[in-house]
Amino acid sequence: MIRNRPFLIVLTILTVVSIVGLVVTPAEAAIGPGDPGTSDQKDPARYLPPTGPIHWMLSDAEAVEGDSGNPGVLRFEVTASHAPLQNMAFWATTTSSFAKSGEDFVGFEEMLVVFPAGETSITIEVPLIGDVWIEDDEDMVLYVWRPVATGGYTVLMGIGHILDDDDLWRGLPPIEIPKAGPRWF
């Protein structure tokens, strides 16, 4: 029994020191990065910015084509895993798939896109060229890229779905087919 008492005494001393340390620490003392003496838990200076590489994502987009007086717009969203500490430059290019640049959408090549410091998402808009022709829904592709320090590029790809709204049957009332009664032959 005497052998276990030194351990119990050391444990008791450590517990008392911990409790005294908590009691003596002033309530307004800062417990992390930030100005001492502030107790505002939402103070942004109290938190360190995220470290590590930023992971990027580009969404797909979908819009109704519209007509020449009211064309649609494809809105692609570029998102970051955490906000960059400085502005970041990207380039964006549209390419035709089934939709044709100049006929179905307003295309562009190597357009500079700036991702502002402190933001976690931006929107890239691709205007559509509306018409009244009945056609299938069509797709186009948006590429967004930027060089990386190790050489090469970070490349993102988003698909833009252009929905045709010039359907022959849209806006017409449904056709009712009468139920067939008994037939006499």
C-alpha atoms as a PDB file:
ATOM      1  CA  MET A   1       0.000   0.000   0.000  1.00  0.00           C
ATOM      2  CA  ILE A   2       2.823   2.443   0.741  1.00  0.00           C
ATOM      3  CA  ARG A   3       4.213   1.977  -2.780  1.00  0.00           C
ATOM      4  CA  ASN A   4       1.131   3.567  -4.433  1.00  0.00           C
ATOM      5  CA  ARG A   5       1.080   6.729  -2.271  1.00  0.00           C
ATOM      6  CA  PRO A   6       3.869   8.683  -4.063  1.00  0.00           C
ATOM      7  CA  PHE A   7       1.920   8.393  -7.313  1.00  0.00           C
ATOM      8  CA  LEU A   8      -1.250   9.566  -5.589  1.00  0.00           C
ATOM      9  CA  ILE A   9       0.566  12.545  -4.047  1.00  0.00           C
ATOM     10  CA  VAL A  10       2.066  13.622  -7.414  1.00  0.00           C
ATOM     11  CA  LEU A  11      -1.331  13.286  -9.104  1.00  0.00           C
ATOM     12  CA  THR A  12      -2.946  15.383  -6.351  1.00  0.00           C
ATOM     13  CA  ILE A  13      -0.285  18.126  -6.711  1.00  0.00           C
ATOM     14  CA  LEU A  14      -0.745  18.259 -10.506  1.00  0.00           C
ATOM     15  CA  THR A  15      -4.514  18.511 -10.117  1.00  0.00           C
ATOM     16  CA  VAL A  16      -4.220  21.390  -7.615  1.00  0.00           C
ATOM     17  CA  VAL A  17      -1.761  23.246  -9.881  1.00  0.00           C
ATOM     18  CA  SER A  18      -4.135  22.829 -12.840  1.00  0.00           C
ATOM     19  CA  ILE A  19      -7.105  24.134 -10.861  1.00  0.00           C
ATOM     20  CA  VAL A  20      -5.106  27.068  -9.477  1.00  0.00           C
ATOM     21  CA  GLY A  21      -3.882  27.858 -13.013  1.00  0.00           C
ATOM     22  CA  LEU A  22      -7.464  27.990 -14.277  1.00  0.00           C
ATOM     23  CA  VAL A  23      -8.585  30.183 -11.412  1.00  0.00           C
ATOM     24  CA  VAL A  24      -5.664  32.628 -11.717  1.00  0.00           C
ATOM     25  CA  THR A  25      -5.994  33.067 -15.502  1.00  0.00           C
ATOM     26  CA  PRO A  26      -8.012  36.263 -16.147  1.00  0.00           C
ATOM     27  CA  ALA A  27     -11.219  35.767 -18.111  1.00  0.00           C
ATOM     28  CA  GLU A  28     -10.264  38.390 -20.706  1.00  0.00           C
ATOM     29  CA  ALA A  29      -6.853  36.889 -21.498  1.00  0.00           C
ATOM     30  CA  ALA A  30      -6.458  35.783 -25.108  1.00  0.00           C
ATOM     31  CA  ILE A  31      -5.970  32.081 -25.642  1.00  0.00           C
ATOM     32  CA  GLY A  32      -4.582  32.052 -29.130  1.00  0.00           C
ATOM     33  CA  PRO A  33      -3.434  34.379 -31.845  1.00  0.00           C
ATOM     34  CA  GLY A  34      -4.906  37.821 -31.489  1.00  0.00           C
ATOM     35  CA  ASP A  35      -4.695  40.811 -29.215  1.00  0.00           C
ATOM     36  CA  PRO A  36      -4.423  40.049 -25.497  1.00  0.00           C
ATOM     37  CA  GLY A  37      -7.270  41.466 -23.476  1.00  0.00           C
ATOM     38  CA  THR A  38     -10.005  40.811 -26.075  1.00  0.00           C
ATOM     39  CA  SER A  39     -12.830  38.498 -25.198  1.00  0.00           C
ATOM     40  CA  ASP A  40     -14.703  38.692 -28.510  1.00  0.00           C
ATOM     41  CA  GLN A  41     -14.820  35.083 -29.718  1.00  0.00           C
ATOM     42  CA  LYS A  42     -15.684  36.213 -33.274  1.00  0.00           C
ATOM     43  CA  ASP A  43     -12.589  38.374 -33.652  1.00  0.00           C
ATOM     44  CA  PRO A  44     -11.058  37.259 -37.003  1.00  0.00           C
ATOM     45  CA  ALA A  45      -7.561  38.039 -35.697  1.00  0.00           C
ATOM     46  CA  ARG A  46      -7.971  35.147 -33.272  1.00  0.00           C
ATOM     47  CA  TYR A  47      -7.965  32.582 -36.064  1.00  0.00           C
ATOM     48  CA  LEU A  48      -5.115  31.648 -38.337  1.00  0.00           C
ATOM     49  CA  PRO A  49      -5.846  31.450 -42.068  1.00  0.00           C
ATOM     50  CA  PRO A  50      -6.134  27.923 -43.480  1.00  0.00           C
ATOM     51  CA  THR A  51      -2.891  26.466 -44.670  1.00  0.00           C
ATOM     52  CA  GLY A  52      -2.185  24.143 -47.524  1.00  0.00           C
ATOM     53  CA  PRO A  53      -3.130  24.219 -51.173  1.00  0.00           C
ATOM     54  CA  ILE A  54      -6.469  25.543 -52.338  1.00  0.00           C
ATOM     55  CA  HIS A  55      -8.656  22.975 -54.064  1.00  0.00           C
ATOM     56  CA  TRP A  56     -10.729  24.396 -56.923  1.00  0.00           C
ATOM     57  CA  MET A  57     -14.034  23.250 -58.397  1.00  0.00           C
ATOM     58  CA  LEU A  58     -16.065  24.424 -61.409  1.00  0.00           C
ATOM     59  CA  SER A  59     -19.789  23.681 -61.526  1.00  0.00           C
ATOM     60  CA  ASP A  60     -21.847  22.696 -64.538  1.00  0.00           C
ATOM     61  CA  ALA A  61     -24.545  25.163 -65.646  1.00  0.00           C
ATOM     62  CA  GLU A  62     -27.982  24.942 -67.202  1.00  0.00           C
ATOM     63  CA  ALA A  63     -30.179  27.626 -68.737  1.00  0.00           C
ATOM     64  CA  VAL A  64     -33.146  28.014 -71.061  1.00  0.00           C
ATOM     65  CA  GLU A  65     -32.079  29.303 -74.471  1.00  0.00           C
ATOM     66  CA  GLY A  66     -34.724  32.030 -74.742  1.00  0.00           C
ATOM     67  CA  ASP A  67     -35.413  33.994 -77.905  1.00  0.00           C
ATOM     68  CA  SER A  68     -33.599  36.913 -79.506  1.00  0.00           C
ATOM     69  CA  GLY A  69     -35.372  39.455 -77.282  1.00  0.00           C
ATOM     70  CA  ASN A  70     -34.723  37.638 -74.012  1.00  0.00           C
ATOM     71  CA  PRO A  71     -31.768  35.234 -74.257  1.00  0.00           C
ATOM     72  CA  GLY A  72     -30.651  33.107 -71.312  1.00  0.00           C
ATOM     73  CA  VAL A  73     -27.320  33.065 -69.470  1.00  0.00           C
ATOM     74  CA  LEU A  74     -25.242  30.085 -68.333  1.00  0.00           C
ATOM     75  CA  ARG A  75     -23.800  30.733 -64.853  1.00  0.00           C
ATOM     76  CA  PHE A  76     -20.776  28.631 -63.890  1.00  0.00           C
ATOM     77  CA  GLU A  77     -19.531  28.833 -60.304  1.00  0.00           C
ATOM     78  CA  VAL A  78     -15.817  28.549 -59.453  1.00  0.00           C
ATOM     79  CA  THR A  79     -15.351  27.617 -55.786  1.00  0.00           C
ATOM     80  CA  ALA A  80     -12.282  27.371 -53.573  1.00  0.00           C
ATOM     81  CA  SER A  81     -11.807  25.078 -50.580  1.00  0.00           C
ATOM     82  CA  HIS A  82     -10.716  28.152 -48.607  1.00  0.00           C
ATOM     83  CA  ALA A  83     -10.336  31.822 -49.444  1.00  0.00           C
ATOM     84  CA  PRO A  84      -7.041  32.848 -51.068  1.00  0.00           C
ATOM     85  CA  LEU A  85      -4.996  35.509 -49.270  1.00  0.00           C
ATOM     86  CA  GLN A  86      -4.355  37.429 -52.503  1.00  0.00           C
ATOM     87  CA  ASN A  87      -6.093  37.902 -55.856  1.00  0.00           C
ATOM     88  CA  MET A  88      -5.602  34.953 -58.197  1.00  0.00           C
ATOM     89  CA  ALA A  89      -5.667  35.129 -62.007  1.00  0.00           C
ATOM     90  CA  PHE A  90      -7.378  32.466 -64.116  1.00  0.00           C
ATOM     91  CA  TRP A  91      -8.100  32.223 -67.812  1.00  0.00           C
ATOM     92  CA  ALA A  92     -11.348  30.941 -69.274  1.00  0.00           C
ATOM     93  CA  THR A  93     -12.205  29.614 -72.734  1.00  0.00           C
ATOM     94  CA  THR A  94     -15.461  28.324 -74.186  1.00  0.00           C
ATOM     95  CA  THR A  95     -15.581  25.543 -76.746  1.00  0.00           C
ATOM     96  CA  SER A  96     -18.350  24.171 -78.898  1.00  0.00           C
ATOM     97  CA  SER A  97     -19.808  20.764 -78.351  1.00  0.00           C
ATOM     98  CA  PHE A  98     -23.250  20.358 -79.925  1.00  0.00           C
ATOM     99  CA  ALA A  99     -23.948  24.047 -79.322  1.00  0.00           C
ATOM    100  CA  LYS A 100     -22.045  26.355 -81.666  1.00  0.00           C
ATOM    101  CA  SER A 101     -20.191  29.473 -80.596  1.00  0.00           C
ATOM    102  CA  GLY A 102     -21.676  32.489 -82.382  1.00  0.00           C
ATOM    103  CA  GLU A 103     -24.971  30.686 -83.059  1.00  0.00           C
ATOM    104  CA  ASP A 104     -26.044  29.322 -79.670  1.00  0.00           C
ATOM    105  CA  PHE A 105     -23.783  31.159 -77.191  1.00  0.00           C
ATOM    106  CA  VAL A 106     -21.321  34.063 -77.100  1.00  0.00           C
ATOM    107  CA  GLY A 107     -17.944  32.355 -76.913  1.00  0.00           C
ATOM    108  CA  PHE A 108     -14.610  33.737 -75.743  1.00  0.00           C
ATOM    109  CA  GLU A 109     -10.962  32.671 -75.720  1.00  0.00           C
ATOM    110  CA  GLU A 110      -8.451  33.224 -72.926  1.00  0.00           C
ATOM    111  CA  MET A 111     -10.604  35.690 -71.007  1.00  0.00           C
ATOM    112  CA  LEU A 112      -8.874  36.868 -67.816  1.00  0.00           C
ATOM    113  CA  VAL A 113     -10.860  35.997 -64.683  1.00  0.00           C
ATOM    114  CA  VAL A 114      -9.753  37.384 -61.305  1.00  0.00           C
ATOM    115  CA  PHE A 115     -10.609  35.439 -58.165  1.00  0.00           C
ATOM    116  CA  PRO A 116     -10.575  38.083 -55.377  1.00  0.00           C
ATOM    117  CA  ALA A 117      -8.688  37.588 -52.117  1.00  0.00           C
ATOM    118  CA  GLY A 118     -10.938  36.577 -49.242  1.00  0.00           C
ATOM    119  CA  GLU A 119     -13.687  35.103 -51.447  1.00  0.00           C
ATOM    120  CA  THR A 120     -14.603  31.420 -51.755  1.00  0.00           C
ATOM    121  CA  SER A 121     -16.644  31.566 -54.977  1.00  0.00           C
ATOM    122  CA  ILE A 122     -17.161  33.602 -58.138  1.00  0.00           C
ATOM    123  CA  THR A 123     -19.522  33.268 -61.105  1.00  0.00           C
ATOM    124  CA  ILE A 124     -18.526  33.191 -64.778  1.00  0.00           C
ATOM    125  CA  GLU A 125     -21.412  34.018 -67.115  1.00  0.00           C
ATOM    126  CA  VAL A 126     -21.755  32.833 -70.714  1.00  0.00           C
ATOM    127  CA  PRO A 127     -24.525  34.701 -72.586  1.00  0.00           C
ATOM    128  CA  LEU A 128     -26.769  32.622 -74.842  1.00  0.00           C
ATOM    129  CA  ILE A 129     -28.018  33.601 -78.268  1.00  0.00           C
ATOM    130  CA  GLY A 130     -31.755  32.971 -78.346  1.00  0.00           C
ATOM    131  CA  ASP A 131     -33.750  31.944 -81.398  1.00  0.00           C
ATOM    132  CA  VAL A 132     -37.161  30.588 -82.333  1.00  0.00           C
ATOM    133  CA  TRP A 133     -35.962  27.444 -84.093  1.00  0.00           C
ATOM    134  CA  ILE A 134     -37.135  24.078 -82.830  1.00  0.00           C
ATOM    135  CA  GLU A 135     -33.978  22.123 -82.058  1.00  0.00           C
ATOM    136  CA  ASP A 136     -32.557  19.670 -79.560  1.00  0.00           C
ATOM    137  CA  ASP A 137     -31.053  20.714 -76.245  1.00  0.00           C
ATOM    138  CA  GLU A 138     -27.341  21.411 -76.752  1.00  0.00           C
ATOM    139  CA  ASP A 139     -24.139  21.448 -74.714  1.00  0.00           C
ATOM    140  CA  MET A 140     -21.011  23.580 -74.638  1.00  0.00           C
ATOM    141  CA  VAL A 141     -17.832  23.398 -72.531  1.00  0.00           C
ATOM    142  CA  LEU A 142     -16.136  26.003 -70.335  1.00  0.00           C
ATOM    143  CA  TYR A 143     -12.462  25.507 -69.439  1.00  0.00           C
ATOM    144  CA  VAL A 144     -10.885  27.516 -66.617  1.00  0.00           C
ATOM    145  CA  TRP A 145      -7.150  27.182 -65.943  1.00  0.00           C
ATOM    146  CA  ARG A 146      -4.186  28.740 -64.193  1.00  0.00           C
ATOM    147  CA  PRO A 147      -0.461  27.947 -64.111  1.00  0.00           C
ATOM    148  CA  VAL A 148       0.913  26.257 -60.991  1.00  0.00           C
ATOM    149  CA  ALA A 149       4.316  26.738 -59.349  1.00  0.00           C
ATOM    150  CA  THR A 150       5.484  23.203 -60.101  1.00  0.00           C
ATOM    151  CA  GLY A 151       4.920  23.629 -63.834  1.00  0.00           C
ATOM    152  CA  GLY A 152       1.835  22.686 -65.770  1.00  0.00           C
ATOM    153  CA  TYR A 153      -1.682  23.928 -65.144  1.00  0.00           C
ATOM    154  CA  THR A 154      -4.692  23.475 -62.924  1.00  0.00           C
ATOM    155  CA  VAL A 155      -7.516  22.874 -65.409  1.00  0.00           C
ATOM    156  CA  LEU A 156     -11.216  22.865 -64.557  1.00  0.00           C
ATOM    157  CA  MET A 157     -13.998  21.862 -66.946  1.00  0.00           C
ATOM    158  CA  GLY A 158     -17.716  22.645 -66.752  1.00  0.00           C
ATOM    159  CA  ILE A 159     -20.499  21.547 -69.084  1.00  0.00           C
ATOM    160  CA  GLY A 160     -23.137  24.103 -70.066  1.00  0.00           C
ATOM    161  CA  HIS A 161     -26.560  22.627 -70.909  1.00  0.00           C
ATOM    162  CA  ILE A 162     -28.642  24.858 -73.176  1.00  0.00           C
ATOM    163  CA  LEU A 163     -32.307  23.889 -72.993  1.00  0.00           C
ATOM    164  CA  ASP A 164     -34.348  24.625 -76.117  1.00  0.00           C
ATOM    165  CA  ASP A 165     -37.602  26.392 -75.304  1.00  0.00           C
ATOM    166  CA  ASP A 166     -38.994  26.428 -78.841  1.00  0.00           C
ATOM    167  CA  ASP A 167     -40.806  23.113 -78.527  1.00  0.00           C
ATOM    168  CA  LEU A 168     -43.711  22.734 -80.930  1.00  0.00           C
ATOM    169  CA  TRP A 169     -45.933  21.301 -78.167  1.00  0.00           C
ATOM    170  CA  ARG A 170     -45.107  23.769 -75.404  1.00  0.00           C
ATOM    171  CA  GLY A 171     -47.943  26.100 -74.577  1.00  0.00           C
ATOM    172  CA  LEU A 172     -50.595  24.029 -76.357  1.00  0.00           C
ATOM    173  CA  PRO A 173     -53.381  22.468 -74.326  1.00  0.00           C
ATOM    174  CA  PRO A 174     -53.165  18.704 -73.888  1.00  0.00           C
ATOM    175  CA  ILE A 175     -54.946  16.629 -76.479  1.00  0.00           C
ATOM    176  CA  GLU A 176     -57.738  14.519 -75.068  1.00  0.00           C
ATOM    177  CA  ILE A 177     -58.427  11.245 -76.775  1.00  0.00           C
ATOM    178  CA  PRO A 178     -61.904   9.947 -76.040  1.00  0.00           C
ATOM    179  CA  LYS A 179     -62.125   6.524 -74.536  1.00  0.00           C
ATOM    180  CA  ALA A 180     -63.273   3.972 -77.012  1.00  0.00           C
ATOM    181  CA  GLY A 181     -66.693   2.501 -76.284  1.00  0.00           C
ATOM    182  CA  PRO A 182     -67.896  -0.878 -77.342  1.00  0.00           C
ATOM    183  CA  ARG A 183     -67.276  -1.681 -80.939  1.00  0.00           C
ATOM    184  CA  TRP A 184     -69.704  -3.500 -83.136  1.00  0.00           C
ATOM    185  CA  PHE A 185     -68.488  -5.466 -86.008  1.00  0.00           C
END
